[in-house]
Amino acid sequence: MTDTQTQAPQRTFDIAMQMQSEGPNRRVTVHHEFSNAPNSIPAEKGFPFGGLLAAMCAKTMTEGLEIDAPLQSLTVQYLAAAKFGEELVFEPRLLRKGRQVSYANLIAGEGERLTHAASATYGVDGDCPTPVHEKHRVPVDVNSLTESEHMRGPFTPRFASQIEYRFQDGPNIFGGNKDRARREGTWMRFRDGKPLDVYRLCYLMDALYPPASTAFQHPVLMTTVDLRYDFIAPPTAQNTPDGWAYVEFELIDFDRDWTVDDVTVWGVDGTVLGIGRQRRRVLNRK
């Protein structure tokens, strides 16, 4: 393997999430290690990873506005690509704080240039007399699989160095799903082994190539326009031991220069932890 393949990340997710406080606002400069550019080209050719930026939006609204209720949903619009070396400022606003449900939004930018807009819904968890929890039979025990070396190779984006991937069938990028469902599933966890929380879920739920990439043998370039996450059940030491979760990405539509894909995250016991939907703009349709 090359040095790029074996090199461990120098800056962890926790370090990346250390933002400077200024009242409710947060400031941060994203490091090149969280670029979406593949390892084979300079990090500056890419942009800060959208999953990390989603986590920063969620953290800013939650902590900056001192909201103590659980985050139930998050929507992020990517207005313009953030740049490395520029200070990114997040400005949250509390729209309504109720006893049961609260709403917040946020704008973020570099100087006068807006890069993101986000909104979040928070809600108090109560006791349900007859709870109904959808379960999913995860395909195989994570401990029976080994790490995918492909996900540490030259075509893997730099942000993926934070994550350990274990596939049962895959990876299928560059046409592996050409003649079957455009669906890709893998066990994932952060390399630091720390427990999952809602911010780490924001990162995981975007930390794989778009499922449309499994339908074509040539690279498909696209950019995220917006995403939405719904958080269903909190991750615990029981349902995500050692931080493991099974994440499945599925292409819903690829047409008219747009793609729509869904993501679902399950714990080891089949508990649904979160679902999401992402809309992307295709840049090199053939």
C-alpha atoms as a PDB file:
ATOM      1  CA  MET A   1       0.000   0.000   0.000  1.00  0.00           C
ATOM      2  CA  THR A   2       1.045   3.611  -0.529  1.00  0.00           C
ATOM      3  CA  ASP A   3       1.794   6.082   2.226  1.00  0.00           C
ATOM      4  CA  THR A   4      -1.526   7.757   1.428  1.00  0.00           C
ATOM      5  CA  GLN A   5      -3.382   4.509   2.054  1.00  0.00           C
ATOM      6  CA  THR A   6      -1.779   3.815   5.411  1.00  0.00           C
ATOM      7  CA  GLN A   7      -1.597   7.327   6.791  1.00  0.00           C
ATOM      8  CA  ALA A   8      -3.864   7.898   9.785  1.00  0.00           C
ATOM      9  CA  PRO A   9      -5.841  11.137  10.042  1.00  0.00           C
ATOM     10  CA  GLN A  10      -3.909  13.884  11.821  1.00  0.00           C
ATOM     11  CA  ARG A  11      -6.990  15.858  12.818  1.00  0.00           C
ATOM     12  CA  THR A  12      -9.897  14.005  14.328  1.00  0.00           C
ATOM     13  CA  PHE A  13     -13.569  14.828  14.026  1.00  0.00           C
ATOM     14  CA  ASP A  14     -13.544  16.215  17.573  1.00  0.00           C
ATOM     15  CA  ILE A  15     -10.733  18.634  16.699  1.00  0.00           C
ATOM     16  CA  ALA A  16     -12.545  19.748  13.537  1.00  0.00           C
ATOM     17  CA  MET A  17     -15.661  20.485  15.590  1.00  0.00           C
ATOM     18  CA  GLN A  18     -13.849  22.820  17.981  1.00  0.00           C
ATOM     19  CA  MET A  19     -15.318  26.144  16.906  1.00  0.00           C
ATOM     20  CA  GLN A  20     -14.705  29.548  18.441  1.00  0.00           C
ATOM     21  CA  SER A  21     -17.663  31.084  20.268  1.00  0.00           C
ATOM     22  CA  GLU A  22     -18.842  34.648  19.866  1.00  0.00           C
ATOM     23  CA  GLY A  23     -22.163  34.814  21.682  1.00  0.00           C
ATOM     24  CA  PRO A  24     -24.440  32.382  19.828  1.00  0.00           C
ATOM     25  CA  ASN A  25     -22.250  32.536  16.720  1.00  0.00           C
ATOM     26  CA  ARG A  26     -19.483  30.081  15.904  1.00  0.00           C
ATOM     27  CA  ARG A  27     -16.331  30.544  13.830  1.00  0.00           C
ATOM     28  CA  VAL A  28     -14.133  27.880  12.276  1.00  0.00           C
ATOM     29  CA  THR A  29     -11.586  27.328   9.520  1.00  0.00           C
ATOM     30  CA  VAL A  30     -11.926  23.873   7.966  1.00  0.00           C
ATOM     31  CA  HIS A  31      -8.668  21.993   7.461  1.00  0.00           C
ATOM     32  CA  HIS A  32      -7.662  20.357   4.171  1.00  0.00           C
ATOM     33  CA  GLU A  33      -7.910  16.925   5.789  1.00  0.00           C
ATOM     34  CA  PHE A  34     -11.692  17.234   5.479  1.00  0.00           C
ATOM     35  CA  SER A  35     -11.620  17.898   1.739  1.00  0.00           C
ATOM     36  CA  ASN A  36     -13.936  16.005  -0.587  1.00  0.00           C
ATOM     37  CA  ALA A  37     -11.064  15.735  -3.078  1.00  0.00           C
ATOM     38  CA  PRO A  38      -9.664  12.217  -3.597  1.00  0.00           C
ATOM     39  CA  ASN A  39      -6.272  11.300  -2.166  1.00  0.00           C
ATOM     40  CA  SER A  40      -4.773  11.257  -5.674  1.00  0.00           C
ATOM     41  CA  ILE A  41      -5.066  15.026  -6.208  1.00  0.00           C
ATOM     42  CA  PRO A  42      -4.283  18.075  -4.044  1.00  0.00           C
ATOM     43  CA  ALA A  43      -6.818  18.691  -1.292  1.00  0.00           C
ATOM     44  CA  GLU A  44      -7.250  22.274  -2.523  1.00  0.00           C
ATOM     45  CA  LYS A  45      -8.907  20.929  -5.667  1.00  0.00           C
ATOM     46  CA  GLY A  46     -11.904  19.949  -3.550  1.00  0.00           C
ATOM     47  CA  PHE A  47     -14.067  21.656  -0.946  1.00  0.00           C
ATOM     48  CA  PRO A  48     -14.906  21.134   2.738  1.00  0.00           C
ATOM     49  CA  PHE A  49     -16.951  17.960   3.252  1.00  0.00           C
ATOM     50  CA  GLY A  50     -20.708  18.544   3.398  1.00  0.00           C
ATOM     51  CA  GLY A  51     -21.316  16.041   6.207  1.00  0.00           C
ATOM     52  CA  LEU A  52     -18.889  17.880   8.464  1.00  0.00           C
ATOM     53  CA  LEU A  53     -20.532  21.207   7.633  1.00  0.00           C
ATOM     54  CA  ALA A  54     -23.952  19.713   8.451  1.00  0.00           C
ATOM     55  CA  ALA A  55     -22.613  18.626  11.846  1.00  0.00           C
ATOM     56  CA  MET A  56     -21.268  22.146  12.436  1.00  0.00           C
ATOM     57  CA  CYS A  57     -24.647  23.658  11.568  1.00  0.00           C
ATOM     58  CA  ALA A  58     -26.384  21.323  14.026  1.00  0.00           C
ATOM     59  CA  LYS A  59     -23.878  21.995  16.798  1.00  0.00           C
ATOM     60  CA  THR A  60     -24.059  25.766  16.339  1.00  0.00           C
ATOM     61  CA  MET A  61     -27.844  25.877  16.591  1.00  0.00           C
ATOM     62  CA  THR A  62     -27.981  23.457  19.521  1.00  0.00           C
ATOM     63  CA  GLU A  63     -25.190  24.895  21.643  1.00  0.00           C
ATOM     64  CA  GLY A  64     -25.225  28.492  20.469  1.00  0.00           C
ATOM     65  CA  LEU A  65     -28.936  28.841  21.217  1.00  0.00           C
ATOM     66  CA  GLU A  66     -28.719  26.668  24.356  1.00  0.00           C
ATOM     67  CA  ILE A  67     -31.408  24.236  23.227  1.00  0.00           C
ATOM     68  CA  ASP A  68     -31.526  21.205  25.506  1.00  0.00           C
ATOM     69  CA  ALA A  69     -34.227  19.195  23.693  1.00  0.00           C
ATOM     70  CA  PRO A  70     -33.055  16.446  21.300  1.00  0.00           C
ATOM     71  CA  LEU A  71     -32.478  17.344  17.659  1.00  0.00           C
ATOM     72  CA  GLN A  72     -35.251  15.756  15.615  1.00  0.00           C
ATOM     73  CA  SER A  73     -34.534  17.003  12.079  1.00  0.00           C
ATOM     74  CA  LEU A  74     -31.925  19.015  10.228  1.00  0.00           C
ATOM     75  CA  THR A  75     -32.035  20.566   6.750  1.00  0.00           C
ATOM     76  CA  VAL A  76     -29.003  22.158   5.091  1.00  0.00           C
ATOM     77  CA  GLN A  77     -28.897  24.099   1.825  1.00  0.00           C
ATOM     78  CA  TYR A  78     -25.463  24.399   0.238  1.00  0.00           C
ATOM     79  CA  LEU A  79     -25.604  27.843  -1.350  1.00  0.00           C
ATOM     80  CA  ALA A  80     -21.965  28.038  -2.431  1.00  0.00           C
ATOM     81  CA  ALA A  81     -18.864  25.962  -1.831  1.00  0.00           C
ATOM     82  CA  ALA A  82     -16.925  26.919   1.276  1.00  0.00           C
ATOM     83  CA  LYS A  83     -13.206  27.563   0.799  1.00  0.00           C
ATOM     84  CA  PHE A  84     -10.164  26.347   2.682  1.00  0.00           C
ATOM     85  CA  GLY A  85      -8.221  29.024   4.523  1.00  0.00           C
ATOM     86  CA  GLU A  86     -11.290  31.228   4.927  1.00  0.00           C
ATOM     87  CA  GLU A  87     -12.982  31.713   8.294  1.00  0.00           C
ATOM     88  CA  LEU A  88     -16.500  30.317   8.170  1.00  0.00           C
ATOM     89  CA  VAL A  89     -19.012  32.079  10.450  1.00  0.00           C
ATOM     90  CA  PHE A  90     -22.260  30.417  11.566  1.00  0.00           C
ATOM     91  CA  GLU A  91     -25.067  32.703  12.763  1.00  0.00           C
ATOM     92  CA  PRO A  92     -28.019  30.878  14.401  1.00  0.00           C
ATOM     93  CA  ARG A  93     -31.423  32.257  15.249  1.00  0.00           C
ATOM     94  CA  LEU A  94     -34.111  30.853  17.517  1.00  0.00           C
ATOM     95  CA  LEU A  95     -37.450  31.019  15.713  1.00  0.00           C
ATOM     96  CA  ARG A  96     -39.616  29.613  18.483  1.00  0.00           C
ATOM     97  CA  LYS A  97     -38.903  27.852  21.747  1.00  0.00           C
ATOM     98  CA  GLY A  98     -41.836  25.871  23.074  1.00  0.00           C
ATOM     99  CA  ARG A  99     -42.254  23.454  25.920  1.00  0.00           C
ATOM    100  CA  GLN A 100     -42.462  20.510  23.536  1.00  0.00           C
ATOM    101  CA  VAL A 101     -41.093  21.687  20.176  1.00  0.00           C
ATOM    102  CA  SER A 102     -38.542  24.348  19.227  1.00  0.00           C
ATOM    103  CA  TYR A 103     -37.404  25.697  15.864  1.00  0.00           C
ATOM    104  CA  ALA A 104     -34.138  27.310  14.792  1.00  0.00           C
ATOM    105  CA  ASN A 105     -32.396  28.381  11.623  1.00  0.00           C
ATOM    106  CA  LEU A 106     -28.944  29.507  10.607  1.00  0.00           C
ATOM    107  CA  ILE A 107     -26.956  31.220   7.894  1.00  0.00           C
ATOM    108  CA  ALA A 108     -23.247  30.694   7.367  1.00  0.00           C
ATOM    109  CA  GLY A 109     -20.712  32.407   5.187  1.00  0.00           C
ATOM    110  CA  GLU A 110     -17.211  33.654   4.562  1.00  0.00           C
ATOM    111  CA  GLY A 111     -17.228  37.432   4.802  1.00  0.00           C
ATOM    112  CA  GLU A 112     -20.152  38.737   2.761  1.00  0.00           C
ATOM    113  CA  ARG A 113     -20.425  35.496   0.796  1.00  0.00           C
ATOM    114  CA  LEU A 114     -23.158  33.144   2.039  1.00  0.00           C
ATOM    115  CA  THR A 115     -22.297  29.451   1.839  1.00  0.00           C
ATOM    116  CA  HIS A 116     -25.020  27.658   3.830  1.00  0.00           C
ATOM    117  CA  ALA A 117     -28.505  28.000   5.216  1.00  0.00           C
ATOM    118  CA  ALA A 118     -29.903  25.480   7.692  1.00  0.00           C
ATOM    119  CA  SER A 119     -32.961  24.810   9.812  1.00  0.00           C
ATOM    120  CA  ALA A 120     -33.555  22.469  12.713  1.00  0.00           C
ATOM    121  CA  THR A 121     -36.480  21.104  14.696  1.00  0.00           C
ATOM    122  CA  TYR A 122     -36.084  20.051  18.315  1.00  0.00           C
ATOM    123  CA  GLY A 123     -38.577  18.080  20.355  1.00  0.00           C
ATOM    124  CA  VAL A 124     -38.909  16.661  23.833  1.00  0.00           C
ATOM    125  CA  ASP A 125     -39.041  12.872  23.921  1.00  0.00           C
ATOM    126  CA  GLY A 126     -41.972  11.497  25.871  1.00  0.00           C
ATOM    127  CA  ASP A 127     -43.252   8.083  26.879  1.00  0.00           C
ATOM    128  CA  CYS A 128     -45.380   6.284  24.315  1.00  0.00           C
ATOM    129  CA  PRO A 129     -47.836   3.733  25.757  1.00  0.00           C
ATOM    130  CA  THR A 130     -47.552   1.485  22.698  1.00  0.00           C
ATOM    131  CA  PRO A 131     -44.246   2.278  20.965  1.00  0.00           C
ATOM    132  CA  VAL A 132     -43.680   0.905  17.491  1.00  0.00           C
ATOM    133  CA  HIS A 133     -40.046   0.628  16.426  1.00  0.00           C
ATOM    134  CA  GLU A 134     -39.229  -0.491  12.923  1.00  0.00           C
ATOM    135  CA  LYS A 135     -36.484  -3.104  12.912  1.00  0.00           C
ATOM    136  CA  HIS A 136     -34.144  -4.112  10.140  1.00  0.00           C
ATOM    137  CA  ARG A 137     -32.199  -7.317   9.896  1.00  0.00           C
ATOM    138  CA  VAL A 138     -28.641  -6.166   9.374  1.00  0.00           C
ATOM    139  CA  PRO A 139     -26.984  -8.348   6.711  1.00  0.00           C
ATOM    140  CA  VAL A 140     -24.042  -9.759   8.658  1.00  0.00           C
ATOM    141  CA  ASP A 141     -22.195  -9.401  11.942  1.00  0.00           C
ATOM    142  CA  VAL A 142     -19.672  -6.586  11.634  1.00  0.00           C
ATOM    143  CA  ASN A 143     -17.055  -8.661  13.462  1.00  0.00           C
ATOM    144  CA  SER A 144     -17.088 -11.239  10.652  1.00  0.00           C
ATOM    145  CA  LEU A 145     -15.910  -8.622   8.128  1.00  0.00           C
ATOM    146  CA  THR A 146     -12.617  -6.882   7.531  1.00  0.00           C
ATOM    147  CA  GLU A 147     -11.862  -3.301   6.640  1.00  0.00           C
ATOM    148  CA  SER A 148     -12.161  -2.263   3.006  1.00  0.00           C
ATOM    149  CA  GLU A 149      -8.720  -1.271   1.727  1.00  0.00           C
ATOM    150  CA  HIS A 150     -10.418   0.300  -1.300  1.00  0.00           C
ATOM    151  CA  MET A 151     -11.769   3.020   0.975  1.00  0.00           C
ATOM    152  CA  ARG A 152      -8.215   4.054   1.823  1.00  0.00           C
ATOM    153  CA  GLY A 153      -6.990   4.185  -1.764  1.00  0.00           C
ATOM    154  CA  PRO A 154      -6.111   6.999  -4.179  1.00  0.00           C
ATOM    155  CA  PHE A 155      -9.673   7.566  -5.403  1.00  0.00           C
ATOM    156  CA  THR A 156     -11.155   7.884  -1.920  1.00  0.00           C
ATOM    157  CA  PRO A 157     -11.935  11.399  -0.660  1.00  0.00           C
ATOM    158  CA  ARG A 158      -9.832  12.677   2.199  1.00  0.00           C
ATOM    159  CA  PHE A 159     -12.727  13.007   4.632  1.00  0.00           C
ATOM    160  CA  ALA A 160     -13.143   9.208   4.516  1.00  0.00           C
ATOM    161  CA  SER A 161      -9.883   8.778   6.444  1.00  0.00           C
ATOM    162  CA  GLN A 162     -11.905   9.435   9.604  1.00  0.00           C
ATOM    163  CA  ILE A 163     -14.056   6.344   9.002  1.00  0.00           C
ATOM    164  CA  GLU A 164     -13.530   2.582   8.977  1.00  0.00           C
ATOM    165  CA  TYR A 165     -15.676   0.813   6.364  1.00  0.00           C
ATOM    166  CA  ARG A 166     -16.599  -2.875   6.303  1.00  0.00           C
ATOM    167  CA  PHE A 167     -18.581  -4.103   3.283  1.00  0.00           C
ATOM    168  CA  GLN A 168     -20.232  -7.490   2.858  1.00  0.00           C
ATOM    169  CA  ASP A 169     -20.803  -6.855  -0.854  1.00  0.00           C
ATOM    170  CA  GLY A 170     -18.811  -3.948  -2.166  1.00  0.00           C
ATOM    171  CA  PRO A 171     -17.669  -1.348  -2.662  1.00  0.00           C
ATOM    172  CA  ASN A 172     -19.462  -1.178  -6.003  1.00  0.00           C
ATOM    173  CA  ILE A 173     -18.340   2.242  -7.183  1.00  0.00           C
ATOM    174  CA  PHE A 174     -17.787   2.708 -10.943  1.00  0.00           C
ATOM    175  CA  GLY A 175     -20.494   0.406 -12.260  1.00  0.00           C
ATOM    176  CA  GLY A 176     -20.685  -2.386  -9.719  1.00  0.00           C
ATOM    177  CA  ASN A 177     -24.459  -1.918  -9.519  1.00  0.00           C
ATOM    178  CA  LYS A 178     -24.966  -1.222 -13.216  1.00  0.00           C
ATOM    179  CA  ASP A 179     -27.439  -4.082 -13.709  1.00  0.00           C
ATOM    180  CA  ARG A 180     -29.044  -4.166 -10.273  1.00  0.00           C
ATOM    181  CA  ALA A 181     -30.449  -1.850  -7.627  1.00  0.00           C
ATOM    182  CA  ARG A 182     -28.270   1.216  -7.104  1.00  0.00           C
ATOM    183  CA  ARG A 183     -27.907   0.528  -3.419  1.00  0.00           C
ATOM    184  CA  GLU A 184     -24.742   0.437  -1.322  1.00  0.00           C
ATOM    185  CA  GLY A 185     -24.514  -0.688   2.293  1.00  0.00           C
ATOM    186  CA  THR A 186     -21.606  -0.813   4.688  1.00  0.00           C
ATOM    187  CA  TRP A 187     -20.759  -0.937   8.357  1.00  0.00           C
ATOM    188  CA  MET A 188     -19.155   2.321   9.449  1.00  0.00           C
ATOM    189  CA  ARG A 189     -17.538   3.774  12.534  1.00  0.00           C
ATOM    190  CA  PHE A 190     -15.135   6.561  13.402  1.00  0.00           C
ATOM    191  CA  ARG A 191     -11.539   5.441  13.698  1.00  0.00           C
ATOM    192  CA  ASP A 192     -11.213   7.018  17.118  1.00  0.00           C
ATOM    193  CA  GLY A 193     -13.741   4.452  18.410  1.00  0.00           C
ATOM    194  CA  LYS A 194     -15.754   7.028  20.325  1.00  0.00           C
ATOM    195  CA  PRO A 195     -19.526   6.589  20.779  1.00  0.00           C
ATOM    196  CA  LEU A 196     -21.889   7.921  18.161  1.00  0.00           C
ATOM    197  CA  ASP A 197     -23.917  11.035  18.854  1.00  0.00           C
ATOM    198  CA  VAL A 198     -26.138  13.158  16.645  1.00  0.00           C
ATOM    199  CA  TYR A 199     -23.210  15.207  15.287  1.00  0.00           C
ATOM    200  CA  ARG A 200     -21.254  12.104  14.337  1.00  0.00           C
ATOM    201  CA  LEU A 201     -24.380  10.742  12.638  1.00  0.00           C
ATOM    202  CA  CYS A 202     -24.487  13.917  10.517  1.00  0.00           C
ATOM    203  CA  TYR A 203     -21.000  13.015   9.287  1.00  0.00           C
ATOM    204  CA  LEU A 204     -21.628   9.278   8.769  1.00  0.00           C
ATOM    205  CA  MET A 205     -24.825   9.815   6.810  1.00  0.00           C
ATOM    206  CA  ASP A 206     -22.887  11.604   4.063  1.00  0.00           C
ATOM    207  CA  ALA A 207     -19.550   9.787   4.298  1.00  0.00           C
ATOM    208  CA  LEU A 208     -19.774   7.574   1.200  1.00  0.00           C
ATOM    209  CA  TYR A 209     -19.739   8.240  -2.547  1.00  0.00           C
ATOM    210  CA  PRO A 210     -23.190   8.981  -4.054  1.00  0.00           C
ATOM    211  CA  PRO A 211     -25.061   5.759  -4.920  1.00  0.00           C
ATOM    212  CA  ALA A 212     -25.405   7.015  -8.499  1.00  0.00           C
ATOM    213  CA  SER A 213     -21.666   6.350  -8.791  1.00  0.00           C
ATOM    214  CA  THR A 214     -22.353   2.617  -8.617  1.00  0.00           C
ATOM    215  CA  ALA A 215     -24.466   2.765 -11.802  1.00  0.00           C
ATOM    216  CA  PHE A 216     -21.799   4.134 -14.156  1.00  0.00           C
ATOM    217  CA  GLN A 217     -18.317   2.977 -15.044  1.00  0.00           C
ATOM    218  CA  HIS A 218     -17.161   6.547 -15.645  1.00  0.00           C
ATOM    219  CA  PRO A 219     -16.960   9.128 -12.853  1.00  0.00           C
ATOM    220  CA  VAL A 220     -20.108  11.189 -12.339  1.00  0.00           C
ATOM    221  CA  LEU A 221     -19.404  14.640 -10.972  1.00  0.00           C
ATOM    222  CA  MET A 222     -22.128  16.194  -8.846  1.00  0.00           C
ATOM    223  CA  THR A 223     -22.596  18.727  -6.101  1.00  0.00           C
ATOM    224  CA  THR A 224     -25.015  18.652  -3.182  1.00  0.00           C
ATOM    225  CA  VAL A 225     -27.756  21.256  -3.288  1.00  0.00           C
ATOM    226  CA  ASP A 226     -29.595  20.297  -0.125  1.00  0.00           C
ATOM    227  CA  LEU A 227     -29.965  17.479   2.360  1.00  0.00           C
ATOM    228  CA  ARG A 228     -32.357  16.575   5.145  1.00  0.00           C
ATOM    229  CA  TYR A 229     -31.786  14.315   8.130  1.00  0.00           C
ATOM    230  CA  ASP A 230     -34.407  12.908  10.493  1.00  0.00           C
ATOM    231  CA  PHE A 231     -33.069  11.406  13.700  1.00  0.00           C
ATOM    232  CA  ILE A 232     -35.228   8.531  14.875  1.00  0.00           C
ATOM    233  CA  ALA A 233     -33.628   6.792  17.859  1.00  0.00           C
ATOM    234  CA  PRO A 234     -30.603   7.916  19.869  1.00  0.00           C
ATOM    235  CA  PRO A 235     -27.433   5.847  19.452  1.00  0.00           C
ATOM    236  CA  THR A 236     -26.431   4.009  22.621  1.00  0.00           C
ATOM    237  CA  ALA A 237     -23.663   1.711  23.777  1.00  0.00           C
ATOM    238  CA  GLN A 238     -26.094  -1.168  23.218  1.00  0.00           C
ATOM    239  CA  ASN A 239     -27.279  -0.428  19.678  1.00  0.00           C
ATOM    240  CA  THR A 240     -23.974   1.018  18.399  1.00  0.00           C
ATOM    241  CA  PRO A 241     -21.233  -0.830  20.322  1.00  0.00           C
ATOM    242  CA  ASP A 242     -17.769   0.613  19.667  1.00  0.00           C
ATOM    243  CA  GLY A 243     -19.498   3.203  17.477  1.00  0.00           C
ATOM    244  CA  TRP A 244     -20.577   0.725  14.760  1.00  0.00           C
ATOM    245  CA  ALA A 245     -23.661   1.402  12.634  1.00  0.00           C
ATOM    246  CA  TYR A 246     -24.899  -0.078   9.364  1.00  0.00           C
ATOM    247  CA  VAL A 247     -25.487   2.608   6.728  1.00  0.00           C
ATOM    248  CA  GLU A 248     -27.296   2.067   3.435  1.00  0.00           C
ATOM    249  CA  PHE A 249     -27.379   4.556   0.556  1.00  0.00           C
ATOM    250  CA  GLU A 250     -29.935   4.158  -2.264  1.00  0.00           C
ATOM    251  CA  LEU A 251     -30.423   6.055  -5.507  1.00  0.00           C
ATOM    252  CA  ILE A 252     -34.034   7.185  -5.928  1.00  0.00           C
ATOM    253  CA  ASP A 253     -33.807   9.160  -9.165  1.00  0.00           C
ATOM    254  CA  PHE A 254     -31.231  10.249 -11.753  1.00  0.00           C
ATOM    255  CA  ASP A 255     -32.741  12.458 -14.451  1.00  0.00           C
ATOM    256  CA  ARG A 256     -32.730  15.977 -15.892  1.00  0.00           C
ATOM    257  CA  ASP A 257     -29.296  16.773 -14.387  1.00  0.00           C
ATOM    258  CA  TRP A 258     -30.480  15.967 -10.857  1.00  0.00           C
ATOM    259  CA  THR A 259     -30.136  13.021  -8.524  1.00  0.00           C
ATOM    260  CA  VAL A 260     -32.066  12.166  -5.376  1.00  0.00           C
ATOM    261  CA  ASP A 261     -30.785   9.547  -2.971  1.00  0.00           C
ATOM    262  CA  ASP A 262     -31.757   8.271   0.457  1.00  0.00           C
ATOM    263  CA  VAL A 263     -29.733   7.064   3.411  1.00  0.00           C
ATOM    264  CA  THR A 264     -30.772   4.943   6.387  1.00  0.00           C
ATOM    265  CA  VAL A 265     -28.717   4.123   9.484  1.00  0.00           C
ATOM    266  CA  TRP A 266     -29.362   1.102  11.692  1.00  0.00           C
ATOM    267  CA  GLY A 267     -27.883  -0.023  14.962  1.00  0.00           C
ATOM    268  CA  VAL A 268     -26.571  -3.560  15.381  1.00  0.00           C
ATOM    269  CA  ASP A 269     -29.953  -4.643  16.766  1.00  0.00           C
ATOM    270  CA  GLY A 270     -31.803  -3.304  13.720  1.00  0.00           C
ATOM    271  CA  THR A 271     -32.999  -0.097  15.369  1.00  0.00           C
ATOM    272  CA  VAL A 272     -33.415   2.753  12.885  1.00  0.00           C
ATOM    273  CA  LEU A 273     -31.214   5.589  14.093  1.00  0.00           C
ATOM    274  CA  GLY A 274     -31.739   8.057  11.270  1.00  0.00           C
ATOM    275  CA  ILE A 275     -32.916   8.573   7.712  1.00  0.00           C
ATOM    276  CA  GLY A 276     -31.965  11.221   5.173  1.00  0.00           C
ATOM    277  CA  ARG A 277     -32.502  12.455   1.656  1.00  0.00           C
ATOM    278  CA  GLN A 278     -30.038  14.358  -0.506  1.00  0.00           C
ATOM    279  CA  ARG A 279     -30.556  16.243  -3.758  1.00  0.00           C
ATOM    280  CA  ARG A 280     -27.540  16.743  -5.998  1.00  0.00           C
ATOM    281  CA  ARG A 281     -26.882  18.613  -9.225  1.00  0.00           C
ATOM    282  CA  VAL A 282     -25.101  16.595 -11.924  1.00  0.00           C
ATOM    283  CA  LEU A 283     -22.183  18.465 -13.470  1.00  0.00           C
ATOM    284  CA  ASN A 284     -21.004  16.104 -16.227  1.00  0.00           C
ATOM    285  CA  ARG A 285     -24.035  14.209 -17.518  1.00  0.00           C
ATOM    286  CA  LYS A 286     -23.306  12.152 -20.645  1.00  0.00           C
END
